[in-house]
Amino acid sequence: MIDKKYTMKKKTKIILIIIIALLLIGCFAFFGLFLLGIVLISVDDEPESSTENSVMIAESSESYESTMPATERPVSSEIEPVEIGTGAKNATVMVYMNGSDLESENGDASRDISEMVESGVGEKVNLIIQTMGTKKWHNFGISSKHSQRYRVNNGELELIDDSLGQLDCTEKKTLSDFIDYSSKNYPADRYILLFWDHGGGPVFGFGYDEWQDEESSLTLDEIQGALTENKDTNFDIIGMDCCVMGTMETAFVLSPYCRYSILSEDFESGLGWSYTKWLKKLEKDPGIPTPLIGRQIVDSVITANENDIYGDSTTMALINEAAVPELMDAWIDFAYENSDNLLSVNYSRLHKAKGRSTLSNLINDWGSDNSDVTMADYYVSDILAIAESSGAKEEKKENLKNALKRSITYFGHTSDRNELTGLAVSLPYGDAYFYERLSDVYSKCGIDKNYVAWLENFVGSSDTDNYNNYEEFEDSWGGWACYGGGCHSEESAQEDSGDDWTYDYEEEIWYLYEDGILYLYDDENDELYYYDETDDLIYVYDESDDNWYAYEE
């Protein structure tokens, strides 16, 4: 538990309180918008986060009102504390696990199942795994001859359904039946759906099943169909533990069915996701805010790849799905206006597949494997890099950048600076076959038909082997923390109103603009603040006595 008196006295540094006092909201139309500085409180140590659902602020072990300076005593306030947690008492996590050659050759799926078992979930979290698609499972007695369903329960992997036969993971019905089974047999206050296997981007989709034709995959329109058939099951998170699925098109298809997605714009290493720590947190507090559990997932993936000898170059993004339709519109407007430029040079990335399970960290080099696969084979083109490198007109570019900021709630990357920023777009440079597949999938998904038709121009575009040189962008890109000034303006905060908490990378704090009030949340110390623009003061909330206290150094 966090002692309020202790934490208030031990904070060693305040970077900013408020840079410029905000004008009243009614005056914005006449006087414009002022940037709001966000408070960051740096601390000497990092206490464990509380798991309280309402405001996630630990109660004091003793009352400190009588010993506090007058400026820190309770203040009268009509400001209601916002609820940070979801209020969920339990959760069901569905893992659609296609082992494929990743399991038969390396045992990667078994290792991730071990991490899930180690988490100890089972009392508050139902973790359901459907095993499929590999000719050799390495652990837990999982059948290599037919598909099965398991539940992780208090450190054990329990077989719960052995009647499935050999399922095809690349069929819509297989996914639809798994979601239906899990939601009906393990109903919960919140749901998370995870895809585990190879990824081929928005055109080739998910899954390589060793029992099926190697050309078979579960495409975006089939995933959409399965989710539509289970539309009564609303997911907090849909995550893909797969390569190169971090695209605008993937996020767009998922947007009606989940609040957030977690996707990788890059190739993944053999480590995949790291499951133990975030599942433990979810078991301890099933009501933990979705953005915060998403951040835990992203951070754990990045940390593992930085520290493990089998780690590799990695990115991962937590996507606010409510903002993705706007991002799609902003991209299409930008692309149409910038059409000639986009068609004149190939903006796909040339990054090589860095390999699964390499030892590159041992020699301080991110290296490469023996494969010739590059991001260009999947036409992975980073949206922000295109915006900054294509010479587009400022208005459309700014609209696109702002839409990206609202979509990418949290982003992590390894220290190799691979220059990816969270979401890509697929542009089929000189590839008629790729466009044919793209056109079929996108049209079935409901992506704007005029845009799909416009993409055909890229098949015949000139200089398809002339790749854009991103050197200038790569030299300037240092991550979202320092991009575009770092801090969010109040205008951005108001545009986010009604959404969930948004992370400010520069100040390392979450913010939410709700009912005209700017709330700040420090998840390292479990402290909730609000900014009073009239008094130009910050107030911190103490749940133990339901009071706000004026914060001073």
Protein backbone atom coordinates (compact mmCIF):
# COMPACT_ATOMS: atom_id res chain seq x y z
CA MET A 1 0.00 0.00 0.00
CA ILE A 2 1.28 3.48 -0.78
CA ASP A 3 1.58 5.84 2.19
CA LYS A 4 0.30 9.22 0.95
CA LYS A 5 2.30 11.20 3.44
CA TYR A 6 5.45 9.36 2.41
CA THR A 7 4.94 9.76 -1.31
CA MET A 8 4.00 13.42 -1.06
CA LYS A 9 7.18 14.17 0.91
CA LYS A 10 9.58 11.95 -1.05
CA LYS A 11 8.92 13.23 -4.54
CA THR A 12 12.18 14.75 -5.63
CA LYS A 13 11.37 16.69 -8.73
CA ILE A 14 8.57 18.47 -10.56
CA ILE A 15 9.35 19.18 -14.22
CA LEU A 16 6.30 21.26 -15.02
CA ILE A 17 3.14 22.34 -13.21
CA ILE A 18 1.43 24.30 -15.96
CA ILE A 19 3.20 26.18 -18.78
CA ILE A 20 0.37 28.52 -19.70
CA ALA A 21 -2.96 28.95 -17.90
CA LEU A 22 -5.85 27.87 -20.05
CA LEU A 23 -8.51 30.32 -21.12
CA LEU A 24 -12.11 29.45 -20.37
CA ILE A 25 -13.58 26.96 -22.83
CA GLY A 26 -16.18 29.41 -24.04
CA CYS A 27 -13.43 31.73 -25.23
CA PHE A 28 -11.61 29.15 -27.37
CA ALA A 29 -13.38 30.17 -30.57
CA PHE A 30 -12.09 33.73 -30.22
CA PHE A 31 -8.69 33.37 -28.65
CA GLY A 32 -7.43 29.95 -29.89
CA LEU A 33 -5.96 27.15 -27.91
CA PHE A 34 -3.04 27.18 -25.53
CA LEU A 35 -0.72 24.25 -24.99
CA LEU A 36 -1.16 22.51 -21.70
CA GLY A 37 1.89 21.17 -19.93
CA ILE A 38 1.38 17.87 -18.21
CA VAL A 39 2.72 17.21 -14.75
CA LEU A 40 5.42 14.60 -14.41
CA ILE A 41 6.52 13.68 -10.96
CA SER A 42 9.81 11.84 -10.94
CA VAL A 43 10.40 9.55 -7.97
CA ASP A 44 13.47 7.90 -6.50
CA ASP A 45 11.82 4.48 -6.35
CA GLU A 46 8.93 2.83 -8.19
CA PRO A 47 6.45 1.25 -5.78
CA GLU A 48 4.23 -1.54 -6.99
CA SER A 49 0.92 -0.39 -8.43
CA SER A 50 -2.26 -0.85 -6.42
CA THR A 51 -5.08 -2.88 -7.92
CA GLU A 52 -8.00 -0.84 -6.68
CA ASN A 53 -10.59 -0.53 -9.47
CA SER A 54 -12.24 2.79 -8.73
CA VAL A 55 -9.28 5.14 -8.81
CA MET A 56 -6.37 2.75 -8.25
CA ILE A 57 -4.98 4.87 -5.43
CA ALA A 58 -3.87 3.06 -2.30
CA GLU A 59 -5.23 4.13 1.03
CA SER A 60 -2.87 5.68 3.58
CA SER A 61 -1.82 3.53 6.49
CA GLU A 62 -2.52 6.54 8.70
CA SER A 63 -4.38 9.80 8.44
CA TYR A 64 -2.03 12.64 7.66
CA GLU A 65 -4.42 15.59 7.54
CA SER A 66 -3.44 16.95 10.92
CA THR A 67 0.27 16.93 10.12
CA MET A 68 0.05 18.40 6.64
CA PRO A 69 0.93 21.99 5.81
CA ALA A 70 -2.11 24.19 5.33
CA THR A 71 -1.57 24.27 1.58
CA GLU A 72 -1.88 20.48 1.48
CA ARG A 73 -5.04 20.11 3.54
CA PRO A 74 -8.28 19.00 1.91
CA VAL A 75 -9.92 21.51 -0.38
CA SER A 76 -13.59 21.82 -1.13
CA SER A 77 -14.19 20.59 -4.63
CA GLU A 78 -17.17 19.53 -6.69
CA ILE A 79 -14.93 17.59 -9.04
CA GLU A 80 -15.86 13.91 -9.07
CA PRO A 81 -12.99 11.41 -9.38
CA VAL A 82 -13.16 9.44 -12.62
CA GLU A 83 -13.22 5.67 -12.54
CA ILE A 84 -9.92 4.37 -13.83
CA GLY A 85 -10.67 0.64 -13.71
CA THR A 86 -13.28 -1.25 -15.70
CA GLY A 87 -15.04 -2.67 -12.67
CA ALA A 88 -14.70 -6.20 -14.08
CA LYS A 89 -14.60 -9.01 -11.53
CA ASN A 90 -13.45 -11.68 -13.96
CA ALA A 91 -12.12 -12.10 -17.49
CA THR A 92 -11.90 -14.72 -20.23
CA VAL A 93 -8.82 -14.81 -22.44
CA MET A 94 -9.19 -16.85 -25.65
CA VAL A 95 -5.97 -18.03 -27.32
CA TYR A 96 -6.42 -19.20 -30.93
CA MET A 97 -3.12 -21.10 -31.09
CA ASN A 98 -1.94 -22.55 -34.38
CA GLY A 99 1.39 -24.17 -33.56
CA SER A 100 2.56 -24.63 -37.20
CA ASP A 101 6.27 -25.09 -37.92
CA LEU A 102 7.04 -22.69 -35.06
CA GLU A 103 6.07 -25.50 -32.69
CA SER A 104 7.16 -28.54 -34.69
CA GLU A 105 10.64 -27.14 -35.36
CA ASN A 106 11.31 -24.94 -32.32
CA GLY A 107 8.69 -25.62 -29.63
CA ASP A 108 7.77 -21.91 -29.57
CA ALA A 109 4.09 -22.52 -28.80
CA SER A 110 4.89 -24.87 -25.92
CA ARG A 111 7.20 -22.26 -24.40
CA ASP A 112 4.47 -19.63 -24.53
CA ILE A 113 1.98 -22.06 -22.99
CA SER A 114 4.52 -22.59 -20.19
CA GLU A 115 4.52 -18.82 -19.59
CA MET A 116 0.71 -18.85 -19.45
CA VAL A 117 0.68 -21.74 -16.97
CA GLU A 118 3.32 -20.01 -14.84
CA SER A 119 1.03 -16.98 -14.47
CA GLY A 120 -1.18 -18.97 -12.09
CA VAL A 121 -4.47 -17.71 -13.54
CA GLY A 122 -7.63 -19.68 -12.91
CA GLU A 123 -9.65 -18.11 -10.13
CA LYS A 124 -10.58 -14.79 -11.75
CA VAL A 125 -9.24 -15.31 -15.27
CA ASN A 126 -10.37 -18.10 -17.57
CA LEU A 127 -7.53 -18.73 -20.04
CA ILE A 128 -8.78 -20.99 -22.85
CA ILE A 129 -6.36 -22.33 -25.49
CA GLN A 130 -7.34 -24.09 -28.71
CA THR A 131 -4.38 -26.11 -30.06
CA MET A 132 -4.16 -26.69 -33.82
CA GLY A 133 -2.05 -26.80 -36.92
CA THR A 134 1.24 -28.50 -36.06
CA LYS A 135 2.47 -32.02 -36.71
CA LYS A 136 4.47 -32.16 -33.48
CA TRP A 137 3.66 -30.70 -30.08
CA HIS A 138 6.60 -30.76 -27.69
CA ASN A 139 5.05 -30.49 -24.23
CA PHE A 140 2.07 -30.93 -21.91
CA GLY A 141 0.89 -34.09 -23.69
CA ILE A 142 -0.90 -32.02 -26.33
CA SER A 143 -2.08 -34.19 -29.21
CA SER A 144 -0.30 -33.83 -32.54
CA LYS A 145 -3.03 -35.86 -34.26
CA HIS A 146 -6.06 -33.69 -33.52
CA SER A 147 -7.09 -30.32 -32.13
CA GLN A 148 -7.92 -29.83 -28.47
CA ARG A 149 -9.12 -27.19 -26.02
CA TYR A 150 -7.36 -26.52 -22.74
CA ARG A 151 -7.87 -24.31 -19.72
CA VAL A 152 -5.04 -22.91 -17.63
CA ASN A 153 -6.08 -23.40 -14.03
CA ASN A 154 -3.86 -22.55 -11.04
CA GLY A 155 -0.59 -23.71 -12.52
CA GLU A 156 -2.00 -26.62 -14.49
CA LEU A 157 -3.03 -27.13 -18.11
CA GLU A 158 -6.38 -28.91 -18.07
CA LEU A 159 -7.85 -30.67 -21.12
CA ILE A 160 -11.48 -29.53 -21.42
CA ASP A 161 -12.49 -30.69 -24.91
CA ASP A 162 -10.96 -33.65 -26.76
CA SER A 163 -13.74 -34.10 -29.33
CA LEU A 164 -12.71 -31.65 -32.04
CA GLY A 165 -10.92 -33.80 -34.60
CA GLN A 166 -8.28 -32.17 -36.79
CA LEU A 167 -9.50 -28.60 -37.24
CA ASP A 168 -8.38 -26.24 -39.99
CA CYS A 169 -7.23 -23.02 -38.32
CA THR A 170 -7.55 -21.16 -41.64
CA GLU A 171 -11.33 -21.59 -41.83
CA LYS A 172 -13.75 -18.94 -40.56
CA LYS A 173 -15.92 -21.59 -38.90
CA THR A 174 -13.03 -22.81 -36.74
CA LEU A 175 -12.49 -19.35 -35.27
CA SER A 176 -16.20 -18.63 -34.94
CA ASP A 177 -16.84 -21.89 -33.07
CA PHE A 178 -13.94 -21.24 -30.70
CA ILE A 179 -15.23 -17.77 -29.77
CA ASP A 180 -18.75 -19.13 -29.32
CA TYR A 181 -17.57 -22.04 -27.15
CA SER A 182 -15.36 -19.87 -24.94
CA SER A 183 -17.91 -17.11 -24.36
CA LYS A 184 -20.77 -19.51 -23.61
CA ASN A 185 -18.86 -21.88 -21.35
CA TYR A 186 -16.73 -19.23 -19.64
CA PRO A 187 -18.82 -16.03 -19.52
CA ALA A 188 -17.03 -13.06 -17.97
CA ASP A 189 -17.17 -9.31 -17.46
CA ARG A 190 -14.49 -8.76 -20.10
CA TYR A 191 -12.98 -10.70 -22.99
CA ILE A 192 -9.60 -10.77 -24.71
CA LEU A 193 -8.94 -12.64 -27.98
CA LEU A 194 -5.38 -13.56 -29.02
CA PHE A 195 -4.13 -15.00 -32.31
CA TRP A 196 -0.91 -17.04 -32.12
CA ASP A 197 1.08 -18.06 -35.25
CA HIS A 198 2.63 -16.60 -38.39
CA GLY A 199 1.23 -13.39 -39.82
CA GLY A 200 1.29 -12.26 -43.45
CA GLY A 201 -0.08 -8.74 -43.22
CA PRO A 202 -3.61 -7.62 -44.13
CA VAL A 203 -3.61 -9.32 -47.53
CA PHE A 204 -2.34 -12.82 -46.70
CA GLY A 205 -3.73 -12.76 -43.18
CA PHE A 206 -3.10 -15.16 -40.30
CA GLY A 207 -1.93 -18.72 -39.95
CA TYR A 208 0.11 -21.42 -41.59
CA ASP A 209 -1.43 -24.80 -40.73
CA GLU A 210 0.91 -27.77 -41.30
CA TRP A 211 -2.07 -30.03 -41.97
CA GLN A 212 -3.40 -27.78 -44.75
CA ASP A 213 -2.19 -26.43 -48.08
CA GLU A 214 0.69 -24.02 -47.50
CA GLU A 215 -1.17 -21.34 -49.46
CA SER A 216 -4.13 -21.45 -47.04
CA SER A 217 -4.58 -18.69 -44.48
CA LEU A 218 -7.26 -17.06 -42.37
CA THR A 219 -7.82 -13.78 -44.20
CA LEU A 220 -9.10 -10.52 -42.74
CA ASP A 221 -12.55 -10.95 -44.26
CA GLU A 222 -12.81 -14.42 -42.68
CA ILE A 223 -11.72 -13.05 -39.31
CA GLN A 224 -14.32 -10.30 -39.75
CA GLY A 225 -16.97 -12.90 -40.56
CA ALA A 226 -16.21 -14.94 -37.44
CA LEU A 227 -16.31 -11.84 -35.24
CA THR A 228 -19.61 -10.76 -36.82
CA GLU A 229 -21.14 -14.16 -36.06
CA ASN A 230 -20.19 -13.55 -32.42
CA LYS A 231 -21.00 -9.84 -32.32
CA ASP A 232 -22.58 -10.14 -28.87
CA THR A 233 -19.10 -10.86 -27.50
CA ASN A 234 -17.35 -7.50 -27.21
CA PHE A 235 -13.59 -7.67 -26.73
CA ASP A 236 -11.54 -5.24 -24.71
CA ILE A 237 -8.46 -6.36 -26.63
CA ILE A 238 -7.85 -8.34 -29.80
CA GLY A 239 -4.14 -9.10 -30.00
CA MET A 240 -2.04 -10.81 -32.63
CA ASP A 241 1.13 -12.57 -31.55
CA CYS A 242 2.19 -12.64 -35.21
CA CYS A 243 4.49 -10.86 -37.65
CA VAL A 244 3.61 -7.76 -39.72
CA MET A 245 -0.08 -7.50 -38.77
CA GLY A 246 0.32 -3.93 -37.46
CA THR A 247 -1.43 -2.20 -40.33
CA MET A 248 -4.19 0.34 -40.67
CA GLU A 249 -6.26 -2.16 -42.68
CA THR A 250 -6.05 -4.82 -39.96
CA ALA A 251 -7.01 -2.30 -37.30
CA PHE A 252 -9.88 -1.01 -39.44
CA VAL A 253 -11.39 -4.49 -39.79
CA LEU A 254 -11.11 -5.11 -36.03
CA SER A 255 -12.53 -1.74 -34.97
CA PRO A 256 -16.23 -2.69 -34.61
CA TYR A 257 -15.40 -5.65 -32.38
CA CYS A 258 -12.88 -4.41 -29.81
CA ARG A 259 -11.84 -1.33 -27.90
CA TYR A 260 -8.12 -1.88 -28.47
CA SER A 261 -5.88 -4.04 -30.60
CA ILE A 262 -2.23 -4.96 -30.04
CA LEU A 263 -0.30 -5.48 -33.27
CA SER A 264 3.28 -5.76 -34.52
CA GLU A 265 4.31 -3.71 -37.54
CA ASP A 266 7.61 -5.63 -37.64
CA PHE A 267 8.59 -9.29 -37.79
CA GLU A 268 8.49 -10.95 -34.37
CA SER A 269 11.28 -12.97 -32.81
CA GLY A 270 10.77 -16.55 -31.62
CA LEU A 271 10.12 -15.16 -28.15
CA GLY A 272 6.73 -13.86 -29.27
CA TRP A 273 4.75 -12.22 -26.50
CA SER A 274 5.73 -12.56 -22.86
CA TYR A 275 2.66 -13.83 -21.04
CA THR A 276 3.43 -14.44 -17.38
CA LYS A 277 3.64 -10.94 -15.88
CA TRP A 278 0.61 -9.31 -17.51
CA LEU A 279 -1.58 -12.37 -16.90
CA LYS A 280 -0.61 -12.28 -13.23
CA LYS A 281 -1.69 -8.64 -13.09
CA LEU A 282 -4.99 -9.49 -14.78
CA GLU A 283 -5.61 -12.34 -12.34
CA LYS A 284 -4.87 -10.03 -9.41
CA ASP A 285 -7.14 -7.31 -10.75
CA PRO A 286 -9.52 -8.31 -13.59
CA GLY A 287 -10.74 -4.69 -13.65
CA ILE A 288 -7.36 -3.18 -14.54
CA PRO A 289 -7.85 -0.45 -17.18
CA THR A 290 -7.53 -1.75 -20.71
CA PRO A 291 -4.87 0.81 -21.77
CA LEU A 292 -2.77 -0.08 -18.72
CA ILE A 293 -2.91 -3.84 -19.33
CA GLY A 294 -2.13 -3.08 -22.98
CA ARG A 295 0.94 -1.12 -21.92
CA GLN A 296 2.02 -4.04 -19.74
CA ILE A 297 1.80 -6.38 -22.74
CA VAL A 298 3.77 -4.04 -25.02
CA ASP A 299 6.46 -3.31 -22.43
CA SER A 300 6.92 -6.99 -21.59
CA VAL A 301 7.48 -7.88 -25.25
CA ILE A 302 10.04 -5.11 -25.70
CA THR A 303 11.86 -5.89 -22.43
CA ALA A 304 12.13 -9.58 -23.29
CA ASN A 305 13.61 -8.86 -26.71
CA GLU A 306 16.09 -6.41 -25.22
CA ASN A 307 17.29 -8.75 -22.48
CA ASP A 308 16.97 -12.31 -23.79
CA ILE A 309 19.76 -13.84 -25.90
CA TYR A 310 17.05 -15.01 -28.31
CA GLY A 311 15.62 -11.51 -28.61
CA ASP A 312 15.46 -9.49 -31.78
CA SER A 313 14.42 -6.20 -33.31
CA THR A 314 10.82 -5.62 -32.22
CA THR A 315 7.99 -3.11 -32.24
CA MET A 316 4.51 -3.34 -30.75
CA ALA A 317 1.59 -0.90 -30.64
CA LEU A 318 -1.58 -0.57 -28.59
CA ILE A 319 -4.22 0.79 -30.97
CA ASN A 320 -7.27 2.78 -29.90
CA GLU A 321 -9.81 1.21 -32.25
CA ALA A 322 -12.36 4.01 -31.82
CA ALA A 323 -9.97 6.35 -33.65
CA VAL A 324 -9.12 4.01 -36.54
CA PRO A 325 -12.05 4.84 -38.91
CA GLU A 326 -10.96 8.49 -38.73
CA LEU A 327 -7.40 7.41 -39.48
CA MET A 328 -8.57 5.51 -42.56
CA ASP A 329 -10.39 8.63 -43.82
CA ALA A 330 -7.36 10.83 -43.14
CA TRP A 331 -5.07 8.41 -44.97
CA ILE A 332 -7.34 8.23 -48.03
CA ASP A 333 -7.57 12.04 -48.22
CA PHE A 334 -3.79 12.28 -47.90
CA ALA A 335 -3.16 9.51 -50.45
CA TYR A 336 -5.46 10.94 -53.11
CA GLU A 337 -3.92 14.39 -52.86
CA ASN A 338 -0.41 12.95 -52.86
CA SER A 339 -1.09 10.33 -55.53
CA ASP A 340 1.61 11.33 -58.04
CA ASN A 341 4.30 11.31 -55.38
CA LEU A 342 3.24 7.94 -53.95
CA LEU A 343 3.23 6.37 -57.40
CA SER A 344 6.63 7.72 -58.41
CA VAL A 345 8.72 5.89 -55.81
CA ASN A 346 8.31 2.68 -53.80
CA TYR A 347 7.64 3.55 -50.17
CA SER A 348 7.65 -0.08 -48.96
CA ARG A 349 10.23 -0.92 -46.32
CA LEU A 350 13.29 -2.97 -47.23
CA HIS A 351 13.96 -4.22 -43.69
CA LYS A 352 15.03 -7.85 -43.76
CA ALA A 353 13.34 -10.50 -41.66
CA LYS A 354 15.64 -10.49 -38.66
CA GLY A 355 14.87 -14.13 -37.89
CA ARG A 356 13.21 -16.02 -35.11
CA SER A 357 15.34 -17.25 -32.22
CA THR A 358 18.63 -15.64 -33.22
CA LEU A 359 21.63 -15.06 -30.96
CA SER A 360 22.25 -11.61 -32.40
CA ASN A 361 22.12 -9.86 -29.02
CA LEU A 362 25.20 -11.81 -27.88
CA ILE A 363 27.32 -10.11 -30.50
CA ASN A 364 25.66 -6.72 -30.05
CA ASP A 365 24.26 -6.86 -33.54
CA TRP A 366 20.66 -7.23 -34.67
CA GLY A 367 21.93 -9.24 -37.63
CA SER A 368 19.84 -11.24 -40.07
CA ASP A 369 18.94 -14.86 -40.69
CA ASN A 370 19.31 -16.94 -43.84
CA SER A 371 15.94 -15.91 -45.24
CA ASP A 372 15.49 -13.46 -48.08
CA VAL A 373 12.17 -12.18 -46.76
CA THR A 374 11.88 -8.41 -46.40
CA MET A 375 9.08 -6.10 -45.42
CA ALA A 376 8.89 -5.13 -49.08
CA ASP A 377 7.54 -8.62 -49.82
CA TYR A 378 4.48 -7.71 -47.75
CA TYR A 379 4.45 -4.07 -48.89
CA VAL A 380 4.84 -2.75 -45.37
CA SER A 381 4.96 1.04 -45.65
CA ASP A 382 5.05 3.01 -42.40
CA ILE A 383 2.32 5.66 -42.50
CA LEU A 384 4.10 8.36 -40.51
CA ALA A 385 7.34 7.84 -42.45
CA ILE A 386 5.43 8.29 -45.73
CA ALA A 387 3.77 11.45 -44.43
CA GLU A 388 7.11 12.96 -43.46
CA SER A 389 9.04 11.79 -46.53
CA SER A 390 6.67 12.24 -49.45
CA GLY A 391 6.53 16.02 -49.74
CA ALA A 392 2.80 16.14 -49.08
CA LYS A 393 0.85 19.35 -48.53
CA GLU A 394 0.89 20.47 -44.93
CA GLU A 395 -2.85 20.39 -44.16
CA LYS A 396 -3.42 16.79 -45.24
CA LYS A 397 -0.16 15.73 -43.62
CA GLU A 398 -1.07 17.30 -40.27
CA ASN A 399 -4.53 15.73 -40.37
CA LEU A 400 -2.94 12.34 -40.96
CA LYS A 401 -0.35 12.78 -38.20
CA ASN A 402 -3.01 13.87 -35.71
CA ALA A 403 -5.18 10.87 -36.61
CA LEU A 404 -2.18 8.61 -36.04
CA LYS A 405 -1.52 10.15 -32.63
CA ARG A 406 -5.12 9.48 -31.59
CA SER A 407 -4.95 5.91 -32.88
CA ILE A 408 -1.65 4.86 -31.32
CA THR A 409 -2.38 4.87 -27.60
CA TYR A 410 0.96 3.34 -26.68
CA PHE A 411 3.99 2.22 -28.70
CA GLY A 412 7.16 0.36 -27.82
CA HIS A 413 10.29 -0.52 -29.77
CA THR A 414 13.69 -2.05 -29.06
CA SER A 415 16.74 0.17 -28.80
CA ASP A 416 17.97 -0.68 -32.30
CA ARG A 417 15.86 2.20 -33.67
CA ASN A 418 14.24 0.27 -36.50
CA GLU A 419 12.37 3.44 -37.46
CA LEU A 420 8.87 1.99 -37.45
CA THR A 421 6.22 4.06 -35.69
CA GLY A 422 3.23 1.80 -35.00
CA LEU A 423 1.07 1.34 -38.10
CA ALA A 424 1.74 0.61 -41.76
CA VAL A 425 -0.30 0.70 -44.97
CA SER A 426 -0.04 -1.76 -47.90
CA LEU A 427 0.65 -0.28 -51.35
CA PRO A 428 0.99 -3.00 -54.07
CA TYR A 429 3.95 -1.63 -56.05
CA GLY A 430 4.31 -3.49 -59.34
CA ASP A 431 2.63 -6.68 -58.10
CA ALA A 432 -0.51 -7.75 -59.96
CA TYR A 433 -0.91 -10.96 -57.93
CA PHE A 434 -0.66 -9.11 -54.63
CA TYR A 435 -3.22 -6.56 -55.82
CA GLU A 436 -5.59 -9.34 -56.94
CA ARG A 437 -5.49 -10.84 -53.44
CA LEU A 438 -5.73 -7.39 -51.87
CA SER A 439 -8.74 -6.40 -53.96
CA ASP A 440 -10.62 -9.57 -53.05
CA VAL A 441 -9.94 -9.30 -49.31
CA TYR A 442 -10.44 -5.54 -48.97
CA SER A 443 -13.68 -5.55 -50.95
CA LYS A 444 -15.14 -8.30 -48.76
CA CYS A 445 -14.09 -6.35 -45.64
CA GLY A 446 -16.04 -3.24 -46.67
CA ILE A 447 -13.01 -1.03 -47.28
CA ASP A 448 -13.97 1.88 -49.53
CA LYS A 449 -14.39 0.47 -53.06
CA ASN A 450 -13.05 3.63 -54.74
CA TYR A 451 -9.89 3.38 -52.65
CA VAL A 452 -9.51 -0.31 -53.53
CA ALA A 453 -9.84 0.59 -57.24
CA TRP A 454 -7.32 3.44 -56.83
CA LEU A 455 -4.75 1.02 -55.41
CA GLU A 456 -4.63 -0.76 -58.78
CA ASN A 457 -2.61 2.22 -60.07
CA PHE A 458 0.35 0.94 -58.04
CA VAL A 459 0.55 -2.25 -60.10
CA GLY A 460 1.67 -0.25 -63.14
CA SER A 461 3.55 2.48 -61.29
CA SER A 462 7.00 3.36 -62.57
CA ASP A 463 10.27 2.65 -60.76
CA THR A 464 8.80 -0.01 -58.47
CA ASP A 465 12.34 -1.13 -57.64
CA ASN A 466 13.36 2.42 -56.76
CA TYR A 467 12.81 2.42 -53.00
CA ASN A 468 12.42 5.62 -51.03
CA ASN A 469 15.41 6.62 -48.93
CA TYR A 470 14.08 7.20 -45.42
CA GLU A 471 17.43 8.45 -44.13
CA GLU A 472 16.24 11.96 -43.27
CA PHE A 473 13.17 10.65 -41.45
CA GLU A 474 15.21 8.01 -39.62
CA ASP A 475 17.69 10.63 -38.45
CA SER A 476 14.89 12.78 -37.01
CA TRP A 477 12.59 10.09 -35.64
CA GLY A 478 13.25 9.38 -31.98
CA GLY A 479 9.92 7.92 -30.96
CA TRP A 480 6.58 9.43 -30.03
CA ALA A 481 8.09 10.94 -26.87
CA CYS A 482 9.89 13.66 -28.79
CA TYR A 483 7.74 13.78 -31.92
CA GLY A 484 5.74 16.91 -32.65
CA GLY A 485 6.76 18.59 -29.41
CA GLY A 486 5.80 15.61 -27.29
CA CYS A 487 3.10 17.20 -25.13
CA HIS A 488 -0.50 17.04 -26.17
CA SER A 489 -2.38 20.32 -26.47
CA GLU A 490 -5.73 20.85 -24.83
CA GLU A 491 -7.21 20.73 -28.32
CA SER A 492 -5.90 17.17 -28.64
CA ALA A 493 -7.22 16.36 -25.19
CA GLN A 494 -10.69 17.64 -26.09
CA GLU A 495 -10.67 15.65 -29.31
CA ASP A 496 -9.91 12.57 -27.20
CA SER A 497 -12.87 13.32 -24.92
CA GLY A 498 -15.01 10.24 -24.52
CA ASP A 499 -12.12 7.92 -25.31
CA ASP A 500 -10.09 6.08 -22.71
CA TRP A 501 -6.88 7.23 -21.10
CA THR A 502 -4.16 8.43 -23.47
CA TYR A 503 -0.46 8.21 -22.71
CA ASP A 504 1.81 11.26 -22.90
CA TYR A 505 5.27 9.88 -23.66
CA GLU A 506 7.24 13.01 -22.79
CA GLU A 507 5.68 13.47 -19.36
CA GLU A 508 5.18 9.72 -18.80
CA ILE A 509 1.66 10.20 -17.53
CA TRP A 510 -1.86 9.28 -18.67
CA TYR A 511 -4.49 11.96 -19.31
CA LEU A 512 -8.23 12.10 -19.92
CA TYR A 513 -10.35 15.14 -20.79
CA GLU A 514 -13.87 14.47 -19.52
CA ASP A 515 -16.78 16.85 -18.94
CA GLY A 516 -14.47 19.85 -19.27
CA ILE A 517 -11.99 18.53 -16.69
CA LEU A 518 -8.43 17.46 -17.46
CA TYR A 519 -7.53 14.42 -15.36
CA LEU A 520 -3.97 13.10 -15.05
CA TYR A 521 -3.03 9.63 -13.85
CA ASP A 522 0.41 8.49 -12.68
CA ASP A 523 0.30 4.70 -13.02
CA GLU A 524 3.72 4.21 -11.41
CA ASN A 525 2.43 5.62 -8.10
CA ASP A 526 -1.31 5.07 -8.54
CA GLU A 527 -2.16 8.72 -8.16
CA LEU A 528 -5.00 10.62 -9.79
CA TYR A 529 -4.86 14.40 -10.37
CA TYR A 530 -7.00 17.05 -11.92
CA TYR A 531 -6.07 20.51 -13.15
CA ASP A 532 -8.05 23.52 -11.96
CA GLU A 533 -7.61 26.11 -14.70
CA THR A 534 -9.22 28.90 -12.65
CA ASP A 535 -6.74 28.62 -9.78
CA ASP A 536 -3.95 27.29 -12.00
CA LEU A 537 -3.40 24.46 -9.51
CA ILE A 538 -3.05 20.67 -9.56
CA TYR A 539 -5.05 18.60 -7.06
CA VAL A 540 -4.32 14.99 -6.08
CA TYR A 541 -7.09 12.61 -4.96
CA ASP A 542 -6.97 10.44 -1.84
CA GLU A 543 -9.49 7.62 -1.95
CA SER A 544 -9.15 6.86 1.76
CA ASP A 545 -11.03 10.01 2.78
CA ASP A 546 -12.56 10.98 -0.59
CA ASN A 547 -10.77 14.34 -0.66
CA TRP A 548 -8.72 16.32 -3.14
CA TYR A 549 -5.48 17.88 -1.88
CA ALA A 550 -3.68 20.82 -3.44
CA TYR A 551 -0.40 19.51 -4.71
CA GLU A 552 2.75 21.48 -3.96
CA GLU A 553 6.44 20.55 -4.07
